[in-house]
Amino acid sequence: MTPPVELLKPAQAVMNNAHSPYSNFKVGAALRSTDGQIFTGCNVENASYGLTICAERNAVFAAIATGIKDFTEILIVADSDKLPYPCGACRQVLSEFCPLDFNIYIVANQNHEITEKLSLGELLPKSFTM
């Protein structure tokens, strides 16, 4: 499966800005809003690991900072041979703003040779809701 290039390119570009001196695991994300805007984020690590923020949440929070809260899909990329699935915190944040049929593209390595497409419902089948 070929990931959407209009999400892959910005996710790869922002991945290079990641601050990951502890894990050396750079991640980039590109999030598309329902009106077609694309918001990006990268992981930013901190010596106090609890203060680290993931690429996915950075992209969501960047969109929300502009007043956008409705999304259709996200692409997450890492220069790795392993797929960079979202952590539990990112899954829960996505579930706050995205429907269960929201598309998630997971891409490993710069040549996007390893790609998976999931829905939010598949990734987080029993999310917490109020």
N, C-alpha and C. Protein backbone atom coordinates (compact mmCIF):
# COMPACT_ATOMS: atom_id res chain seq x y z
N MET A 1 0.83 -1.17 0.00
CA MET A 1 0.00 0.00 0.00
C MET A 1 0.88 1.25 0.00
N THR A 2 0.55 2.19 -0.84
CA THR A 2 1.29 3.45 -0.90
C THR A 2 0.57 4.49 -0.06
N PRO A 3 1.28 5.09 0.89
CA PRO A 3 0.64 6.12 1.72
C PRO A 3 0.40 7.40 0.93
N PRO A 4 -0.57 8.22 1.35
CA PRO A 4 -0.84 9.48 0.63
C PRO A 4 0.36 10.41 0.68
N VAL A 5 0.89 10.76 -0.49
CA VAL A 5 2.10 11.57 -0.57
C VAL A 5 1.90 12.96 0.03
N GLU A 6 0.67 13.49 -0.06
CA GLU A 6 0.43 14.82 0.49
C GLU A 6 0.51 14.84 2.02
N LEU A 7 0.47 13.67 2.65
CA LEU A 7 0.72 13.56 4.08
C LEU A 7 2.13 13.06 4.37
N LEU A 8 2.64 12.19 3.52
CA LEU A 8 3.96 11.61 3.73
C LEU A 8 5.06 12.65 3.69
N LYS A 9 5.04 13.52 2.68
CA LYS A 9 6.12 14.52 2.53
C LYS A 9 6.23 15.43 3.74
N PRO A 10 5.14 16.06 4.21
CA PRO A 10 5.28 16.93 5.39
C PRO A 10 5.63 16.16 6.66
N ALA A 11 5.16 14.91 6.78
CA ALA A 11 5.50 14.12 7.96
C ALA A 11 6.99 13.78 7.97
N GLN A 12 7.53 13.44 6.80
CA GLN A 12 8.97 13.16 6.72
C GLN A 12 9.79 14.41 7.01
N ALA A 13 9.34 15.54 6.49
CA ALA A 13 10.08 16.79 6.70
C ALA A 13 10.12 17.16 8.18
N VAL A 14 8.97 17.08 8.85
CA VAL A 14 8.94 17.47 10.26
C VAL A 14 9.64 16.43 11.14
N MET A 15 9.66 15.16 10.70
CA MET A 15 10.37 14.12 11.45
C MET A 15 11.83 14.52 11.65
N ASN A 16 12.40 15.17 10.65
CA ASN A 16 13.81 15.57 10.75
C ASN A 16 14.04 16.63 11.80
N ASN A 17 12.98 17.29 12.27
CA ASN A 17 13.10 18.30 13.33
C ASN A 17 12.91 17.72 14.72
N ALA A 18 12.61 16.43 14.81
CA ALA A 18 12.36 15.80 16.11
C ALA A 18 13.55 15.99 17.04
N HIS A 19 13.24 16.13 18.33
CA HIS A 19 14.27 16.23 19.36
C HIS A 19 14.21 14.91 20.14
N SER A 20 15.12 13.99 19.78
CA SER A 20 15.08 12.66 20.39
C SER A 20 16.47 12.19 20.81
N PRO A 21 17.14 12.97 21.69
CA PRO A 21 18.50 12.61 22.08
C PRO A 21 18.59 11.37 22.96
N TYR A 22 17.48 10.93 23.54
CA TYR A 22 17.51 9.80 24.46
C TYR A 22 17.18 8.49 23.76
N SER A 23 16.19 8.50 22.91
CA SER A 23 15.80 7.28 22.21
C SER A 23 16.40 7.19 20.81
N ASN A 24 16.80 8.34 20.25
CA ASN A 24 17.25 8.41 18.86
C ASN A 24 16.19 7.84 17.91
N PHE A 25 14.92 8.00 18.28
CA PHE A 25 13.79 7.51 17.49
C PHE A 25 12.97 8.72 17.06
N LYS A 26 13.24 9.20 15.84
CA LYS A 26 12.56 10.39 15.32
C LYS A 26 11.24 9.99 14.68
N VAL A 27 10.19 10.74 15.03
CA VAL A 27 8.87 10.47 14.51
C VAL A 27 8.27 11.77 13.99
N GLY A 28 7.58 11.69 12.85
CA GLY A 28 6.85 12.83 12.30
C GLY A 28 5.41 12.43 12.05
N ALA A 29 4.50 13.40 12.14
CA ALA A 29 3.09 13.14 11.88
C ALA A 29 2.50 14.27 11.06
N ALA A 30 1.61 13.92 10.16
CA ALA A 30 0.85 14.90 9.38
C ALA A 30 -0.62 14.55 9.51
N LEU A 31 -1.40 15.52 9.97
CA LEU A 31 -2.81 15.36 10.29
C LEU A 31 -3.63 16.21 9.34
N ARG A 32 -4.64 15.60 8.70
CA ARG A 32 -5.49 16.34 7.77
C ARG A 32 -6.83 16.66 8.45
N SER A 33 -7.21 17.93 8.37
CA SER A 33 -8.51 18.35 8.92
C SER A 33 -9.59 18.12 7.87
N THR A 34 -10.84 18.18 8.30
CA THR A 34 -11.96 17.96 7.37
C THR A 34 -12.01 19.02 6.28
N ASP A 35 -11.42 20.19 6.52
CA ASP A 35 -11.40 21.23 5.48
C ASP A 35 -10.13 21.16 4.62
N GLY A 36 -9.33 20.09 4.80
CA GLY A 36 -8.17 19.86 3.93
C GLY A 36 -6.84 20.43 4.41
N GLN A 37 -6.84 21.15 5.52
CA GLN A 37 -5.57 21.67 6.03
C GLN A 37 -4.74 20.53 6.61
N ILE A 38 -3.41 20.70 6.53
CA ILE A 38 -2.51 19.69 7.07
C ILE A 38 -1.69 20.31 8.19
N PHE A 39 -1.68 19.65 9.33
CA PHE A 39 -0.94 20.09 10.51
C PHE A 39 0.11 19.03 10.82
N THR A 40 1.29 19.46 11.20
CA THR A 40 2.38 18.52 11.45
C THR A 40 2.85 18.60 12.89
N GLY A 41 3.53 17.54 13.30
CA GLY A 41 4.14 17.50 14.62
C GLY A 41 5.26 16.48 14.63
N CYS A 42 6.21 16.68 15.52
CA CYS A 42 7.29 15.72 15.70
C CYS A 42 7.43 15.44 17.19
N ASN A 43 8.11 14.35 17.52
CA ASN A 43 8.30 14.04 18.92
C ASN A 43 9.37 14.96 19.52
N VAL A 44 9.15 15.33 20.77
CA VAL A 44 10.09 16.19 21.51
C VAL A 44 10.31 15.52 22.85
N GLU A 45 11.50 14.95 23.02
CA GLU A 45 11.83 14.25 24.25
C GLU A 45 12.37 15.20 25.30
N ASN A 46 12.29 14.75 26.55
CA ASN A 46 12.79 15.51 27.68
C ASN A 46 13.49 14.54 28.61
N ALA A 47 14.50 15.01 29.32
CA ALA A 47 15.22 14.14 30.25
C ALA A 47 14.26 13.55 31.29
N SER A 48 13.22 14.28 31.63
CA SER A 48 12.15 13.76 32.48
C SER A 48 11.12 13.17 31.52
N TYR A 49 11.20 11.86 31.30
CA TYR A 49 10.44 11.22 30.22
C TYR A 49 8.94 11.56 30.23
N GLY A 50 8.36 11.77 31.39
CA GLY A 50 6.95 12.10 31.46
C GLY A 50 6.60 13.40 30.75
N LEU A 51 7.58 14.23 30.51
CA LEU A 51 7.36 15.51 29.83
C LEU A 51 7.54 15.41 28.32
N THR A 52 7.92 14.25 27.84
CA THR A 52 8.07 14.02 26.40
C THR A 52 6.70 14.10 25.74
N ILE A 53 6.66 14.64 24.53
CA ILE A 53 5.40 14.71 23.77
C ILE A 53 5.61 14.05 22.42
N CYS A 54 4.65 13.28 22.01
CA CYS A 54 4.74 12.53 20.76
C CYS A 54 4.34 13.38 19.55
N ALA A 55 4.75 12.93 18.39
CA ALA A 55 4.46 13.64 17.14
C ALA A 55 2.96 13.77 16.90
N GLU A 56 2.22 12.72 17.17
CA GLU A 56 0.78 12.74 16.92
C GLU A 56 0.07 13.80 17.74
N ARG A 57 0.39 13.84 19.04
CA ARG A 57 -0.24 14.83 19.91
C ARG A 57 0.20 16.24 19.54
N ASN A 58 1.46 16.41 19.15
CA ASN A 58 1.91 17.73 18.72
C ASN A 58 1.12 18.20 17.50
N ALA A 59 0.84 17.31 16.56
CA ALA A 59 0.06 17.69 15.38
C ALA A 59 -1.38 18.05 15.77
N VAL A 60 -1.99 17.24 16.62
CA VAL A 60 -3.36 17.53 17.07
C VAL A 60 -3.40 18.87 17.80
N PHE A 61 -2.47 19.09 18.71
CA PHE A 61 -2.48 20.32 19.50
C PHE A 61 -2.19 21.55 18.64
N ALA A 62 -1.35 21.39 17.61
CA ALA A 62 -1.10 22.51 16.68
C ALA A 62 -2.38 22.89 15.95
N ALA A 63 -3.16 21.90 15.55
CA ALA A 63 -4.43 22.17 14.86
C ALA A 63 -5.41 22.85 15.81
N ILE A 64 -5.52 22.34 17.00
CA ILE A 64 -6.46 22.90 17.97
C ILE A 64 -6.08 24.35 18.31
N ALA A 65 -4.79 24.64 18.33
CA ALA A 65 -4.34 26.01 18.61
C ALA A 65 -4.84 27.00 17.56
N THR A 66 -5.17 26.51 16.37
CA THR A 66 -5.69 27.38 15.30
C THR A 66 -7.22 27.33 15.24
N GLY A 67 -7.84 26.56 16.13
CA GLY A 67 -9.30 26.47 16.15
C GLY A 67 -9.88 25.30 15.39
N ILE A 68 -9.03 24.43 14.83
CA ILE A 68 -9.49 23.27 14.06
C ILE A 68 -9.61 22.07 15.00
N LYS A 69 -10.76 21.38 14.95
CA LYS A 69 -10.98 20.23 15.83
C LYS A 69 -11.61 19.03 15.13
N ASP A 70 -11.71 19.07 13.81
CA ASP A 70 -12.30 17.96 13.06
C ASP A 70 -11.30 17.43 12.05
N PHE A 71 -11.05 16.13 12.07
CA PHE A 71 -9.99 15.54 11.28
C PHE A 71 -10.45 14.30 10.52
N THR A 72 -9.75 14.01 9.43
CA THR A 72 -10.09 12.84 8.61
C THR A 72 -9.02 11.75 8.63
N GLU A 73 -7.75 12.14 8.75
CA GLU A 73 -6.69 11.12 8.70
C GLU A 73 -5.37 11.68 9.22
N ILE A 74 -4.50 10.76 9.60
CA ILE A 74 -3.16 11.12 10.06
C ILE A 74 -2.18 10.10 9.48
N LEU A 75 -0.97 10.57 9.20
CA LEU A 75 0.12 9.69 8.78
C LEU A 75 1.24 9.88 9.79
N ILE A 76 1.77 8.76 10.27
CA ILE A 76 2.85 8.76 11.25
C ILE A 76 4.03 8.03 10.63
N VAL A 77 5.20 8.65 10.64
CA VAL A 77 6.37 8.05 10.00
C VAL A 77 7.57 8.09 10.94
N ALA A 78 8.39 7.05 10.87
CA ALA A 78 9.65 6.99 11.60
C ALA A 78 10.70 6.36 10.70
N ASP A 79 11.93 6.80 10.85
CA ASP A 79 13.03 6.20 10.10
C ASP A 79 13.49 4.96 10.86
N SER A 80 12.73 3.91 10.71
CA SER A 80 12.93 2.69 11.47
C SER A 80 12.43 1.51 10.65
N ASP A 81 12.82 0.32 11.03
CA ASP A 81 12.30 -0.87 10.38
C ASP A 81 11.05 -1.39 11.10
N LYS A 82 10.64 -0.69 12.17
CA LYS A 82 9.45 -1.07 12.92
C LYS A 82 8.39 0.00 12.74
N LEU A 83 7.15 -0.40 12.62
CA LEU A 83 6.06 0.54 12.47
C LEU A 83 5.87 1.35 13.76
N PRO A 84 5.79 2.67 13.65
CA PRO A 84 5.66 3.54 14.84
C PRO A 84 4.19 3.73 15.25
N TYR A 85 3.60 2.69 15.82
CA TYR A 85 2.21 2.79 16.26
C TYR A 85 2.08 3.85 17.35
N PRO A 86 0.96 4.56 17.38
CA PRO A 86 0.75 5.56 18.43
C PRO A 86 0.71 4.92 19.82
N CYS A 87 1.25 5.63 20.80
CA CYS A 87 1.19 5.16 22.18
C CYS A 87 -0.24 5.29 22.69
N GLY A 88 -0.49 4.80 23.88
CA GLY A 88 -1.83 4.85 24.46
C GLY A 88 -2.35 6.27 24.63
N ALA A 89 -1.48 7.18 25.07
CA ALA A 89 -1.91 8.58 25.26
C ALA A 89 -2.32 9.19 23.93
N CYS A 90 -1.57 8.93 22.87
CA CYS A 90 -1.91 9.48 21.55
C CYS A 90 -3.21 8.87 21.04
N ARG A 91 -3.41 7.60 21.26
CA ARG A 91 -4.65 6.95 20.83
C ARG A 91 -5.85 7.61 21.52
N GLN A 92 -5.71 7.86 22.81
CA GLN A 92 -6.81 8.47 23.55
C GLN A 92 -7.06 9.90 23.09
N VAL A 93 -6.00 10.67 22.83
CA VAL A 93 -6.18 12.04 22.33
C VAL A 93 -6.87 12.02 20.97
N LEU A 94 -6.45 11.13 20.08
CA LEU A 94 -7.11 11.02 18.78
C LEU A 94 -8.59 10.69 18.95
N SER A 95 -8.91 9.83 19.91
CA SER A 95 -10.31 9.43 20.10
C SER A 95 -11.17 10.59 20.60
N GLU A 96 -10.56 11.59 21.18
CA GLU A 96 -11.29 12.77 21.66
C GLU A 96 -11.81 13.61 20.49
N PHE A 97 -11.08 13.61 19.37
CA PHE A 97 -11.40 14.50 18.25
C PHE A 97 -11.75 13.80 16.95
N CYS A 98 -11.58 12.50 16.88
CA CYS A 98 -11.73 11.80 15.60
C CYS A 98 -12.76 10.69 15.69
N PRO A 99 -13.49 10.45 14.60
CA PRO A 99 -14.46 9.36 14.58
C PRO A 99 -13.76 8.00 14.48
N LEU A 100 -14.48 6.94 14.76
CA LEU A 100 -13.90 5.60 14.72
C LEU A 100 -13.41 5.20 13.33
N ASP A 101 -13.96 5.80 12.26
CA ASP A 101 -13.50 5.47 10.91
C ASP A 101 -12.35 6.37 10.44
N PHE A 102 -11.81 7.17 11.33
CA PHE A 102 -10.64 8.02 11.06
C PHE A 102 -9.49 7.14 10.60
N ASN A 103 -8.82 7.52 9.49
CA ASN A 103 -7.74 6.71 8.92
C ASN A 103 -6.40 7.06 9.56
N ILE A 104 -5.64 6.03 9.87
CA ILE A 104 -4.30 6.17 10.43
C ILE A 104 -3.33 5.39 9.55
N TYR A 105 -2.38 6.09 8.96
CA TYR A 105 -1.34 5.46 8.15
C TYR A 105 -0.08 5.41 9.00
N ILE A 106 0.49 4.22 9.12
CA ILE A 106 1.71 4.01 9.89
C ILE A 106 2.80 3.64 8.88
N VAL A 107 3.90 4.42 8.87
CA VAL A 107 4.94 4.23 7.86
C VAL A 107 6.30 4.09 8.54
N ALA A 108 7.02 3.04 8.17
CA ALA A 108 8.36 2.83 8.70
C ALA A 108 9.37 3.03 7.58
N ASN A 109 10.41 3.66 7.87
CA ASN A 109 11.60 3.97 7.07
C ASN A 109 11.33 5.01 5.99
N GLN A 110 12.36 5.72 5.64
CA GLN A 110 12.27 6.86 4.73
C GLN A 110 11.71 6.49 3.36
N ASN A 111 11.87 5.25 2.95
CA ASN A 111 11.39 4.84 1.63
C ASN A 111 9.96 4.29 1.67
N HIS A 112 9.30 4.47 2.80
CA HIS A 112 7.93 4.01 3.06
C HIS A 112 7.69 2.58 2.54
N GLU A 113 8.69 1.72 2.76
CA GLU A 113 8.57 0.34 2.31
C GLU A 113 7.64 -0.48 3.20
N ILE A 114 7.46 -0.05 4.44
CA ILE A 114 6.60 -0.77 5.37
C ILE A 114 5.47 0.18 5.77
N THR A 115 4.25 -0.14 5.37
CA THR A 115 3.12 0.75 5.62
C THR A 115 1.91 -0.06 6.04
N GLU A 116 1.16 0.47 6.98
CA GLU A 116 -0.10 -0.14 7.39
C GLU A 116 -1.15 0.96 7.50
N LYS A 117 -2.37 0.63 7.14
CA LYS A 117 -3.50 1.56 7.28
C LYS A 117 -4.52 0.93 8.22
N LEU A 118 -4.89 1.69 9.25
CA LEU A 118 -5.87 1.24 10.23
C LEU A 118 -6.90 2.33 10.45
N SER A 119 -8.04 1.94 10.97
CA SER A 119 -8.99 2.95 11.44
C SER A 119 -8.73 3.16 12.93
N LEU A 120 -9.21 4.28 13.45
CA LEU A 120 -9.07 4.52 14.88
C LEU A 120 -9.79 3.44 15.67
N GLY A 121 -10.93 2.99 15.17
CA GLY A 121 -11.67 1.93 15.83
C GLY A 121 -10.90 0.62 15.92
N GLU A 122 -10.10 0.33 14.90
CA GLU A 122 -9.26 -0.88 14.94
C GLU A 122 -8.10 -0.70 15.91
N LEU A 123 -7.55 0.49 15.96
CA LEU A 123 -6.39 0.76 16.81
C LEU A 123 -6.78 0.89 18.28
N LEU A 124 -7.96 1.44 18.54
CA LEU A 124 -8.42 1.65 19.90
C LEU A 124 -9.89 1.26 19.99
N PRO A 125 -10.16 -0.05 20.08
CA PRO A 125 -11.53 -0.53 19.96
C PRO A 125 -12.45 -0.14 21.12
N LYS A 126 -11.92 0.12 22.28
CA LYS A 126 -12.77 0.44 23.44
C LYS A 126 -12.21 1.67 24.14
N SER A 127 -12.28 2.81 23.46
CA SER A 127 -11.73 4.03 24.03
C SER A 127 -12.60 4.55 25.17
N PHE A 128 -11.97 5.30 26.05
CA PHE A 128 -12.67 5.95 27.14
C PHE A 128 -13.47 7.12 26.62
N THR A 129 -14.72 7.24 27.00
CA THR A 129 -15.55 8.38 26.64
C THR A 129 -16.31 8.86 27.87
N MET A 130 -16.69 10.11 27.85
CA MET A 130 -17.45 10.68 28.98
C MET A 130 -18.93 10.41 28.76
